[in-house]
Structures are given as C-alpha cells and as structure tokens.
Amino acid sequence: MPLDPAQRQQIEQDAITAAWEAESLAACDDAIALLREIADLERDDDGDVIIGTDAAGHNDLMSRITAFLATNDQ
C-alpha cells in the first residue's frame, strides 16, 4: 500500500531529525573526549591548566580543539 504524501513527508522529516541528532551526539562525544584530555593535563600552582607546545610551537590538542570548533560551531 503506497504512502500518502503526508506520511511520506513525516517519514522524511523524521529521517532528517534522526540524522541531525546523531551528528549532534557524535559532536558531543568528541567534545567530551577533548574535555577529558584537558582535565588530565598538568596544572600550575594556581590550578590553571598548562598547555604547552613543541619546539615548533605546535600543540596537537589545540589543533584538534580548533578543528572541532571549526566543524561544529553552528
């Protein structure tokens, strides 16, 4: 039995919503992973996180945070 246009539209809308929710959950998982990594970093005497760089001024964590924000800042 074929779907009527309203049913078809509802199914399409539900699929779009499910895809958006899955993408949002994946972004949350990525953010949590970054935050856990930050929480594990060394701290100074005041309790501030120390984010260091290598000799070339590169920091992998900061690069990943920047990439995450560029992808997910909507």
N, C-alpha and C. Protein backbone atom coordinates (compact mmCIF):
# COMPACT_ATOMS: atom_id res chain seq x y z
N MET A 1 0.85 -1.18 0.00
CA MET A 1 0.00 0.00 0.00
C MET A 1 0.90 1.25 0.00
N PRO A 2 0.71 2.09 -0.99
CA PRO A 2 1.54 3.29 -1.08
C PRO A 2 1.23 4.29 0.05
N LEU A 3 2.28 5.05 0.40
CA LEU A 3 2.12 6.07 1.44
C LEU A 3 1.46 7.31 0.85
N ASP A 4 0.65 7.94 1.65
CA ASP A 4 0.10 9.21 1.18
C ASP A 4 1.17 10.28 1.38
N PRO A 5 1.04 11.43 0.70
CA PRO A 5 2.07 12.47 0.76
C PRO A 5 2.39 12.94 2.19
N ALA A 6 1.41 13.01 3.06
CA ALA A 6 1.66 13.46 4.43
C ALA A 6 2.52 12.45 5.19
N GLN A 7 2.23 11.16 4.98
CA GLN A 7 3.03 10.12 5.64
C GLN A 7 4.47 10.13 5.11
N ARG A 8 4.61 10.28 3.81
CA ARG A 8 5.94 10.33 3.21
C ARG A 8 6.73 11.52 3.74
N GLN A 9 6.08 12.67 3.83
CA GLN A 9 6.75 13.87 4.34
C GLN A 9 7.16 13.67 5.81
N GLN A 10 6.31 13.05 6.61
CA GLN A 10 6.64 12.82 8.02
C GLN A 10 7.83 11.87 8.15
N ILE A 11 7.87 10.84 7.34
CA ILE A 11 8.98 9.89 7.36
C ILE A 11 10.27 10.59 6.96
N GLU A 12 10.22 11.41 5.93
CA GLU A 12 11.41 12.17 5.50
C GLU A 12 11.87 13.11 6.60
N GLN A 13 10.93 13.80 7.23
CA GLN A 13 11.28 14.72 8.32
C GLN A 13 11.88 13.97 9.50
N ASP A 14 11.33 12.82 9.84
CA ASP A 14 11.87 12.01 10.93
C ASP A 14 13.29 11.56 10.62
N ALA A 15 13.57 11.21 9.38
CA ALA A 15 14.91 10.78 8.97
C ALA A 15 15.90 11.94 9.08
N ILE A 16 15.49 13.12 8.66
CA ILE A 16 16.35 14.31 8.77
C ILE A 16 16.64 14.62 10.23
N THR A 17 15.63 14.55 11.07
CA THR A 17 15.80 14.81 12.50
C THR A 17 16.73 13.77 13.13
N ALA A 18 16.56 12.52 12.79
CA ALA A 18 17.41 11.46 13.34
C ALA A 18 18.87 11.66 12.92
N ALA A 19 19.10 12.05 11.68
CA ALA A 19 20.47 12.29 11.21
C ALA A 19 21.09 13.47 11.95
N TRP A 20 20.32 14.53 12.15
CA TRP A 20 20.82 15.70 12.88
C TRP A 20 21.14 15.33 14.32
N GLU A 21 20.27 14.55 14.96
CA GLU A 21 20.52 14.14 16.34
C GLU A 21 21.76 13.26 16.44
N ALA A 22 21.95 12.37 15.50
CA ALA A 22 23.14 11.50 15.51
C ALA A 22 24.41 12.33 15.35
N GLU A 23 24.37 13.32 14.47
CA GLU A 23 25.52 14.21 14.27
C GLU A 23 25.80 15.01 15.54
N SER A 24 24.76 15.49 16.19
CA SER A 24 24.93 16.24 17.43
C SER A 24 25.51 15.38 18.54
N LEU A 25 25.04 14.14 18.65
CA LEU A 25 25.57 13.23 19.66
C LEU A 25 27.03 12.90 19.41
N ALA A 26 27.40 12.74 18.15
CA ALA A 26 28.80 12.46 17.81
C ALA A 26 29.67 13.66 18.17
N ALA A 27 29.17 14.88 17.92
CA ALA A 27 29.92 16.08 18.28
C ALA A 27 30.07 16.18 19.80
N CYS A 28 29.04 15.83 20.53
CA CYS A 28 29.11 15.84 22.00
C CYS A 28 30.15 14.84 22.49
N ASP A 29 30.17 13.66 21.89
CA ASP A 29 31.17 12.66 22.27
C ASP A 29 32.58 13.18 22.02
N ASP A 30 32.78 13.84 20.89
CA ASP A 30 34.10 14.41 20.57
C ASP A 30 34.47 15.50 21.57
N ALA A 31 33.51 16.34 21.92
CA ALA A 31 33.77 17.41 22.89
C ALA A 31 34.12 16.83 24.26
N ILE A 32 33.41 15.80 24.67
CA ILE A 32 33.69 15.17 25.96
C ILE A 32 35.10 14.58 25.96
N ALA A 33 35.50 13.96 24.87
CA ALA A 33 36.85 13.39 24.78
C ALA A 33 37.90 14.49 24.91
N LEU A 34 37.69 15.63 24.24
CA LEU A 34 38.64 16.74 24.35
C LEU A 34 38.67 17.29 25.78
N LEU A 35 37.51 17.42 26.39
CA LEU A 35 37.47 17.94 27.76
C LEU A 35 38.14 17.00 28.74
N ARG A 36 37.98 15.71 28.54
CA ARG A 36 38.65 14.74 29.42
C ARG A 36 40.16 14.84 29.27
N GLU A 37 40.61 15.04 28.05
CA GLU A 37 42.05 15.18 27.83
C GLU A 37 42.58 16.45 28.49
N ILE A 38 41.83 17.54 28.39
CA ILE A 38 42.22 18.79 29.04
C ILE A 38 42.26 18.60 30.56
N ALA A 39 41.28 17.90 31.09
CA ALA A 39 41.22 17.69 32.54
C ALA A 39 42.43 16.91 33.05
N ASP A 40 43.02 16.09 32.19
CA ASP A 40 44.17 15.29 32.59
C ASP A 40 45.50 16.03 32.44
N LEU A 41 45.49 17.25 31.93
CA LEU A 41 46.74 17.99 31.73
C LEU A 41 47.32 18.48 33.05
N GLU A 42 48.61 18.74 32.99
CA GLU A 42 49.33 19.27 34.16
C GLU A 42 48.78 20.66 34.51
N ARG A 43 48.82 20.98 35.80
CA ARG A 43 48.33 22.28 36.28
C ARG A 43 49.45 23.01 37.01
N ASP A 44 49.36 24.35 36.98
CA ASP A 44 50.34 25.14 37.71
C ASP A 44 49.91 25.29 39.17
N ASP A 45 50.64 26.08 39.93
CA ASP A 45 50.35 26.23 41.36
C ASP A 45 48.97 26.84 41.63
N ASP A 46 48.44 27.60 40.67
CA ASP A 46 47.12 28.21 40.84
C ASP A 46 45.99 27.29 40.37
N GLY A 47 46.36 26.13 39.83
CA GLY A 47 45.35 25.19 39.35
C GLY A 47 44.99 25.39 37.89
N ASP A 48 45.66 26.32 37.23
CA ASP A 48 45.40 26.55 35.81
C ASP A 48 46.06 25.46 34.97
N VAL A 49 45.40 25.04 33.91
CA VAL A 49 45.94 24.01 33.02
C VAL A 49 47.11 24.59 32.24
N ILE A 50 48.16 23.80 32.13
CA ILE A 50 49.33 24.19 31.34
C ILE A 50 49.21 23.51 29.98
N ILE A 51 49.09 24.32 28.94
CA ILE A 51 49.01 23.79 27.58
C ILE A 51 50.30 24.20 26.89
N GLY A 52 51.20 23.25 26.75
CA GLY A 52 52.50 23.53 26.16
C GLY A 52 52.51 23.25 24.67
N THR A 53 53.61 23.67 24.04
CA THR A 53 53.82 23.42 22.63
C THR A 53 55.19 22.78 22.43
N ASP A 54 55.38 22.20 21.27
CA ASP A 54 56.70 21.65 20.96
C ASP A 54 57.61 22.78 20.49
N ALA A 55 58.83 22.45 20.10
CA ALA A 55 59.81 23.47 19.70
C ALA A 55 59.33 24.31 18.52
N ALA A 56 58.48 23.73 17.69
CA ALA A 56 57.98 24.47 16.52
C ALA A 56 56.73 25.28 16.85
N GLY A 57 56.29 25.25 18.11
CA GLY A 57 55.10 26.00 18.51
C GLY A 57 53.80 25.26 18.21
N HIS A 58 53.89 23.98 17.94
CA HIS A 58 52.70 23.19 17.60
C HIS A 58 52.17 22.48 18.84
N ASN A 59 50.87 22.43 18.94
CA ASN A 59 50.23 21.69 20.01
C ASN A 59 49.08 20.90 19.40
N ASP A 60 49.19 19.58 19.46
CA ASP A 60 48.19 18.71 18.83
C ASP A 60 46.80 18.91 19.44
N LEU A 61 46.73 19.05 20.76
CA LEU A 61 45.44 19.24 21.42
C LEU A 61 44.77 20.53 20.94
N MET A 62 45.53 21.61 20.89
CA MET A 62 44.94 22.88 20.43
C MET A 62 44.51 22.78 18.97
N SER A 63 45.28 22.06 18.17
CA SER A 63 44.90 21.87 16.77
C SER A 63 43.58 21.11 16.66
N ARG A 64 43.43 20.09 17.49
CA ARG A 64 42.19 19.31 17.46
C ARG A 64 41.00 20.13 17.99
N ILE A 65 41.24 20.96 19.00
CA ILE A 65 40.17 21.83 19.50
C ILE A 65 39.75 22.82 18.42
N THR A 66 40.74 23.41 17.74
CA THR A 66 40.44 24.36 16.67
C THR A 66 39.65 23.69 15.55
N ALA A 67 40.07 22.49 15.17
CA ALA A 67 39.35 21.76 14.11
C ALA A 67 37.93 21.41 14.56
N PHE A 68 37.79 21.01 15.81
CA PHE A 68 36.46 20.67 16.33
C PHE A 68 35.54 21.90 16.26
N LEU A 69 36.05 23.04 16.74
CA LEU A 69 35.23 24.26 16.73
C LEU A 69 34.89 24.68 15.30
N ALA A 70 35.83 24.56 14.40
CA ALA A 70 35.58 24.94 13.02
C ALA A 70 34.47 24.08 12.41
N THR A 71 34.45 22.82 12.79
CA THR A 71 33.46 21.89 12.25
C THR A 71 32.09 22.05 12.90
N ASN A 72 32.08 22.31 14.20
CA ASN A 72 30.83 22.24 14.97
C ASN A 72 30.27 23.56 15.46
N ASP A 73 30.93 24.67 15.18
CA ASP A 73 30.43 25.97 15.63
C ASP A 73 29.35 26.43 14.67
N GLN A 74 28.10 26.17 15.06
CA GLN A 74 26.96 26.48 14.17
C GLN A 74 26.11 27.56 14.75
